[in-house]
Amino acid sequence: MQPSRSPPRNTPRPTIPAGWDFHAELLAVLPALRGYARSLARHREDADDLVQDSVSRMLAAADRFTPGTSYRGWSFTILRNRFLSDCLVRRRRFVSLDEQDAQAHSTHAAQAERLQLRDLRHQFAQLPAPAQRVLTLAADGRTTYEVIARHDGCAVGTIKSRVHRARAELRGRLHAAYG
């Protein structure tokens, strides 16, 4: 739906139909505007702010509405354009060069990850040898349960159970040691 545009300045404006009331039309279309704003903004407060801003713009531009055109379309166009303008403003958010430099040159602290890996290795070494073996093969990523089962001469379900029990034991040891 194309927005209604003001007629050129040298063209006389159409006359307002008898009994037509701008404010009554606004009140009639307000619930639909609220619904449309909620579908655009997704948050109730943002939608209410969008409707309020759009209504104030409609009232300010009441003299530019062309009688005989769709008031509903005109009001929805104002609301949609207001929403799109707000989106563009949020997208163009200013970031100072100092913030950009700090973000570009910052690094993640790896000390905690190294300590966690050391603790994991220690607890893994405490597992029984069969549990270590099955976890190593399963965690490898290249060896499938089927290959492990064929090598051990047992069913795939047995290997899955062994892996599950080994993981549970390792998880329990880590939880008991480090909470």
C-alpha atoms as a PDB file:
ATOM      1  CA  MET A   1       0.000   0.000   0.000  1.00  0.00           C
ATOM      2  CA  GLN A   2       1.495   3.319  -1.066  1.00  0.00           C
ATOM      3  CA  PRO A   3       1.554   6.114   1.512  1.00  0.00           C
ATOM      4  CA  SER A   4      -0.743   8.990   0.753  1.00  0.00           C
ATOM      5  CA  ARG A   5       1.229  12.003  -0.321  1.00  0.00           C
ATOM      6  CA  SER A   6       0.318  15.621  -0.034  1.00  0.00           C
ATOM      7  CA  PRO A   7      -0.942  17.096  -3.302  1.00  0.00           C
ATOM      8  CA  PRO A   8       1.384  19.484  -5.125  1.00  0.00           C
ATOM      9  CA  ARG A   9       1.209  23.036  -3.806  1.00  0.00           C
ATOM     10  CA  ASN A  10      -0.510  24.446  -6.885  1.00  0.00           C
ATOM     11  CA  THR A  11      -3.304  21.828  -6.736  1.00  0.00           C
ATOM     12  CA  PRO A  12      -6.237  22.684  -4.480  1.00  0.00           C
ATOM     13  CA  ARG A  13      -6.692  20.276  -1.561  1.00  0.00           C
ATOM     14  CA  PRO A  14      -9.773  18.075  -1.667  1.00  0.00           C
ATOM     15  CA  THR A  15     -12.511  19.165   0.638  1.00  0.00           C
ATOM     16  CA  ILE A  16     -13.078  17.267   3.844  1.00  0.00           C
ATOM     17  CA  PRO A  17     -16.231  15.147   3.625  1.00  0.00           C
ATOM     18  CA  ALA A  18     -19.076  16.269   5.859  1.00  0.00           C
ATOM     19  CA  GLY A  19     -19.073  14.504   9.194  1.00  0.00           C
ATOM     20  CA  TRP A  20     -15.479  13.310   8.861  1.00  0.00           C
ATOM     21  CA  ASP A  21     -13.520  13.714  12.120  1.00  0.00           C
ATOM     22  CA  PHE A  22      -9.737  13.269  12.211  1.00  0.00           C
ATOM     23  CA  HIS A  23      -9.656  12.477  15.944  1.00  0.00           C
ATOM     24  CA  ALA A  24     -12.500   9.967  15.679  1.00  0.00           C
ATOM     25  CA  GLU A  25     -10.628   8.176  12.874  1.00  0.00           C
ATOM     26  CA  LEU A  26      -7.507   8.153  15.027  1.00  0.00           C
ATOM     27  CA  LEU A  27      -9.372   6.609  17.960  1.00  0.00           C
ATOM     28  CA  ALA A  28     -10.931   4.000  15.661  1.00  0.00           C
ATOM     29  CA  VAL A  29      -7.585   2.882  14.224  1.00  0.00           C
ATOM     30  CA  LEU A  30      -5.668   2.976  17.546  1.00  0.00           C
ATOM     31  CA  PRO A  31      -6.261  -0.689  18.581  1.00  0.00           C
ATOM     32  CA  ALA A  32      -5.044  -1.900  15.187  1.00  0.00           C
ATOM     33  CA  LEU A  33      -1.988   0.365  15.463  1.00  0.00           C
ATOM     34  CA  ARG A  34      -1.188  -1.132  18.865  1.00  0.00           C
ATOM     35  CA  GLY A  35      -1.409  -4.651  17.473  1.00  0.00           C
ATOM     36  CA  TYR A  36       0.785  -3.790  14.510  1.00  0.00           C
ATOM     37  CA  ALA A  37       3.332  -2.069  16.769  1.00  0.00           C
ATOM     38  CA  ARG A  38       3.493  -5.127  19.031  1.00  0.00           C
ATOM     39  CA  SER A  39       4.141  -7.364  16.041  1.00  0.00           C
ATOM     40  CA  LEU A  40       6.998  -5.086  14.968  1.00  0.00           C
ATOM     41  CA  ALA A  41       8.573  -4.238  18.322  1.00  0.00           C
ATOM     42  CA  ARG A  42       7.959  -7.578  20.099  1.00  0.00           C
ATOM     43  CA  HIS A  43       8.154  -5.930  23.534  1.00  0.00           C
ATOM     44  CA  ARG A  44       5.032  -4.321  24.974  1.00  0.00           C
ATOM     45  CA  GLU A  45       6.800  -1.240  26.308  1.00  0.00           C
ATOM     46  CA  ASP A  46       8.622  -0.597  23.037  1.00  0.00           C
ATOM     47  CA  ALA A  47       5.369  -1.054  21.113  1.00  0.00           C
ATOM     48  CA  ASP A  48       3.543   1.398  23.367  1.00  0.00           C
ATOM     49  CA  ASP A  49       6.341   3.945  22.895  1.00  0.00           C
ATOM     50  CA  LEU A  50       6.185   3.420  19.129  1.00  0.00           C
ATOM     51  CA  VAL A  51       2.410   3.987  19.054  1.00  0.00           C
ATOM     52  CA  GLN A  52       2.680   7.082  21.230  1.00  0.00           C
ATOM     53  CA  ASP A  53       5.392   8.581  19.049  1.00  0.00           C
ATOM     54  CA  SER A  54       3.484   7.734  15.870  1.00  0.00           C
ATOM     55  CA  VAL A  55       0.237   9.252  17.162  1.00  0.00           C
ATOM     56  CA  SER A  56       2.025  12.460  18.106  1.00  0.00           C
ATOM     57  CA  ARG A  57       3.479  12.599  14.587  1.00  0.00           C
ATOM     58  CA  MET A  58       0.040  11.973  13.070  1.00  0.00           C
ATOM     59  CA  LEU A  59      -1.444  14.806  15.085  1.00  0.00           C
ATOM     60  CA  ALA A  60       1.402  17.103  14.041  1.00  0.00           C
ATOM     61  CA  ALA A  61       0.880  16.137  10.384  1.00  0.00           C
ATOM     62  CA  ALA A  62      -2.912  16.196  10.421  1.00  0.00           C
ATOM     63  CA  ASP A  63      -2.984  19.079   7.947  1.00  0.00           C
ATOM     64  CA  ARG A  64      -0.998  16.977   5.459  1.00  0.00           C
ATOM     65  CA  PHE A  65      -3.470  14.082   5.413  1.00  0.00           C
ATOM     66  CA  THR A  66      -5.399  13.980   2.143  1.00  0.00           C
ATOM     67  CA  PRO A  67      -9.102  13.481   2.842  1.00  0.00           C
ATOM     68  CA  GLY A  68     -10.652  10.770   0.737  1.00  0.00           C
ATOM     69  CA  THR A  69      -7.569   8.550   0.997  1.00  0.00           C
ATOM     70  CA  SER A  70      -7.140   5.666   3.419  1.00  0.00           C
ATOM     71  CA  TYR A  71      -6.636   7.047   6.913  1.00  0.00           C
ATOM     72  CA  ARG A  72      -5.762   3.572   8.170  1.00  0.00           C
ATOM     73  CA  GLY A  73      -3.075   3.142   5.492  1.00  0.00           C
ATOM     74  CA  TRP A  74      -1.687   6.598   6.214  1.00  0.00           C
ATOM     75  CA  SER A  75      -1.443   5.928   9.950  1.00  0.00           C
ATOM     76  CA  PHE A  76       0.098   2.457   9.481  1.00  0.00           C
ATOM     77  CA  THR A  77       2.675   3.957   7.108  1.00  0.00           C
ATOM     78  CA  ILE A  78       3.667   6.552   9.688  1.00  0.00           C
ATOM     79  CA  LEU A  79       4.019   3.866  12.354  1.00  0.00           C
ATOM     80  CA  ARG A  80       6.053   1.560  10.094  1.00  0.00           C
ATOM     81  CA  ASN A  81       8.353   4.388   8.979  1.00  0.00           C
ATOM     82  CA  ARG A  82       8.876   5.417  12.592  1.00  0.00           C
ATOM     83  CA  PHE A  83       9.804   1.824  13.475  1.00  0.00           C
ATOM     84  CA  LEU A  84      12.247   1.567  10.560  1.00  0.00           C
ATOM     85  CA  SER A  85      13.851   4.886  11.505  1.00  0.00           C
ATOM     86  CA  ASP A  86      14.341   3.653  15.068  1.00  0.00           C
ATOM     87  CA  CYS A  87      15.952   0.463  13.725  1.00  0.00           C
ATOM     88  CA  LEU A  88      18.385   2.472  11.618  1.00  0.00           C
ATOM     89  CA  VAL A  89      19.306   4.664  14.563  1.00  0.00           C
ATOM     90  CA  ARG A  90      20.025   1.609  16.719  1.00  0.00           C
ATOM     91  CA  ARG A  91      22.110   0.069  13.943  1.00  0.00           C
ATOM     92  CA  ARG A  92      24.243   3.217  13.619  1.00  0.00           C
ATOM     93  CA  ARG A  93      25.116   3.186  17.302  1.00  0.00           C
ATOM     94  CA  PHE A  94      28.247   5.199  17.931  1.00  0.00           C
ATOM     95  CA  VAL A  95      31.301   3.285  19.130  1.00  0.00           C
ATOM     96  CA  SER A  96      34.339   5.312  20.053  1.00  0.00           C
ATOM     97  CA  LEU A  97      37.690   4.386  18.572  1.00  0.00           C
ATOM     98  CA  ASP A  98      39.051   3.739  22.070  1.00  0.00           C
ATOM     99  CA  GLU A  99      36.384   1.063  22.661  1.00  0.00           C
ATOM    100  CA  GLN A 100      37.084  -0.508  19.278  1.00  0.00           C
ATOM    101  CA  ASP A 101      40.818  -0.639  19.971  1.00  0.00           C
ATOM    102  CA  ALA A 102      40.272  -2.156  23.404  1.00  0.00           C
ATOM    103  CA  GLN A 103      37.958  -4.827  22.013  1.00  0.00           C
ATOM    104  CA  ALA A 104      40.273  -5.643  19.119  1.00  0.00           C
ATOM    105  CA  HIS A 105      43.350  -6.080  21.301  1.00  0.00           C
ATOM    106  CA  SER A 106      41.826  -7.819  24.316  1.00  0.00           C
ATOM    107  CA  THR A 107      42.514 -11.487  24.906  1.00  0.00           C
ATOM    108  CA  HIS A 108      40.696 -14.150  26.863  1.00  0.00           C
ATOM    109  CA  ALA A 109      42.443 -15.277  30.035  1.00  0.00           C
ATOM    110  CA  ALA A 110      43.481 -18.901  29.563  1.00  0.00           C
ATOM    111  CA  GLN A 111      44.806 -19.607  33.078  1.00  0.00           C
ATOM    112  CA  ALA A 112      41.511 -20.993  34.372  1.00  0.00           C
ATOM    113  CA  GLU A 113      41.107 -23.223  31.320  1.00  0.00           C
ATOM    114  CA  ARG A 114      44.629 -24.599  31.763  1.00  0.00           C
ATOM    115  CA  LEU A 115      43.923 -25.398  35.410  1.00  0.00           C
ATOM    116  CA  GLN A 116      40.638 -27.102  34.510  1.00  0.00           C
ATOM    117  CA  LEU A 117      42.373 -29.194  31.854  1.00  0.00           C
ATOM    118  CA  ARG A 118      45.105 -30.179  34.329  1.00  0.00           C
ATOM    119  CA  ASP A 119      42.455 -31.216  36.855  1.00  0.00           C
ATOM    120  CA  LEU A 120      40.579 -33.185  34.200  1.00  0.00           C
ATOM    121  CA  ARG A 121      43.769 -35.038  33.238  1.00  0.00           C
ATOM    122  CA  HIS A 122      44.496 -35.824  36.890  1.00  0.00           C
ATOM    123  CA  GLN A 123      41.012 -37.232  37.479  1.00  0.00           C
ATOM    124  CA  PHE A 124      41.128 -39.117  34.179  1.00  0.00           C
ATOM    125  CA  ALA A 125      44.372 -40.786  35.282  1.00  0.00           C
ATOM    126  CA  GLN A 126      42.571 -41.988  38.433  1.00  0.00           C
ATOM    127  CA  LEU A 127      40.007 -43.945  36.378  1.00  0.00           C
ATOM    128  CA  PRO A 128      40.480 -47.704  35.903  1.00  0.00           C
ATOM    129  CA  ALA A 129      42.399 -48.606  32.732  1.00  0.00           C
ATOM    130  CA  PRO A 130      39.357 -50.082  30.866  1.00  0.00           C
ATOM    131  CA  ALA A 131      37.378 -46.868  31.488  1.00  0.00           C
ATOM    132  CA  GLN A 132      40.316 -44.751  30.287  1.00  0.00           C
ATOM    133  CA  ARG A 133      40.638 -46.879  27.152  1.00  0.00           C
ATOM    134  CA  VAL A 134      36.959 -46.750  26.180  1.00  0.00           C
ATOM    135  CA  LEU A 135      36.724 -43.003  26.867  1.00  0.00           C
ATOM    136  CA  THR A 136      39.854 -42.309  24.849  1.00  0.00           C
ATOM    137  CA  LEU A 137      38.564 -44.293  21.880  1.00  0.00           C
ATOM    138  CA  ALA A 138      35.046 -42.816  22.060  1.00  0.00           C
ATOM    139  CA  ALA A 139      36.265 -39.237  22.506  1.00  0.00           C
ATOM    140  CA  ASP A 140      38.685 -39.627  19.621  1.00  0.00           C
ATOM    141  CA  GLY A 141      35.972 -38.664  17.131  1.00  0.00           C
ATOM    142  CA  ARG A 142      37.434 -40.921  14.446  1.00  0.00           C
ATOM    143  CA  THR A 143      36.552 -44.242  16.031  1.00  0.00           C
ATOM    144  CA  THR A 144      32.889 -45.284  15.984  1.00  0.00           C
ATOM    145  CA  TYR A 145      31.148 -47.376  18.608  1.00  0.00           C
ATOM    146  CA  GLU A 146      30.821 -50.130  16.005  1.00  0.00           C
ATOM    147  CA  VAL A 147      34.595 -50.298  15.463  1.00  0.00           C
ATOM    148  CA  ILE A 148      35.263 -50.367  19.214  1.00  0.00           C
ATOM    149  CA  ALA A 149      32.649 -53.118  19.661  1.00  0.00           C
ATOM    150  CA  ARG A 150      34.139 -55.210  16.854  1.00  0.00           C
ATOM    151  CA  HIS A 151      37.635 -54.831  18.348  1.00  0.00           C
ATOM    152  CA  ASP A 152      36.415 -55.816  21.841  1.00  0.00           C
ATOM    153  CA  GLY A 153      34.194 -58.597  20.496  1.00  0.00           C
ATOM    154  CA  CYS A 154      30.992 -57.309  22.102  1.00  0.00           C
ATOM    155  CA  ALA A 155      27.757 -55.556  21.169  1.00  0.00           C
ATOM    156  CA  VAL A 156      27.571 -51.833  20.354  1.00  0.00           C
ATOM    157  CA  GLY A 157      25.163 -51.355  23.273  1.00  0.00           C
ATOM    158  CA  THR A 158      27.791 -52.746  25.637  1.00  0.00           C
ATOM    159  CA  ILE A 159      30.327 -50.177  24.429  1.00  0.00           C
ATOM    160  CA  LYS A 160      27.766 -47.373  24.820  1.00  0.00           C
ATOM    161  CA  SER A 161      27.102 -48.540  28.385  1.00  0.00           C
ATOM    162  CA  ARG A 162      30.818 -48.654  29.172  1.00  0.00           C
ATOM    163  CA  VAL A 163      31.290 -45.131  27.792  1.00  0.00           C
ATOM    164  CA  HIS A 164      28.305 -43.872  29.761  1.00  0.00           C
ATOM    165  CA  ARG A 165      29.576 -45.436  33.013  1.00  0.00           C
ATOM    166  CA  ALA A 166      33.106 -44.108  32.436  1.00  0.00           C
ATOM    167  CA  ARG A 167      31.815 -40.578  31.781  1.00  0.00           C
ATOM    168  CA  ALA A 168      29.580 -40.750  34.855  1.00  0.00           C
ATOM    169  CA  GLU A 169      32.517 -41.898  36.990  1.00  0.00           C
ATOM    170  CA  LEU A 170      34.759 -39.120  35.667  1.00  0.00           C
ATOM    171  CA  ARG A 171      31.998 -36.552  36.197  1.00  0.00           C
ATOM    172  CA  GLY A 172      31.484 -37.828  39.766  1.00  0.00           C
ATOM    173  CA  ARG A 173      35.202 -37.643  40.522  1.00  0.00           C
ATOM    174  CA  LEU A 174      35.420 -34.079  39.204  1.00  0.00           C
ATOM    175  CA  HIS A 175      32.323 -33.044  41.145  1.00  0.00           C
ATOM    176  CA  ALA A 176      33.607 -34.644  44.364  1.00  0.00           C
ATOM    177  CA  ALA A 177      37.037 -33.051  44.008  1.00  0.00           C
ATOM    178  CA  TYR A 178      35.990 -29.564  42.896  1.00  0.00           C
ATOM    179  CA  GLY A 179      32.310 -29.201  43.711  1.00  0.00           C
END
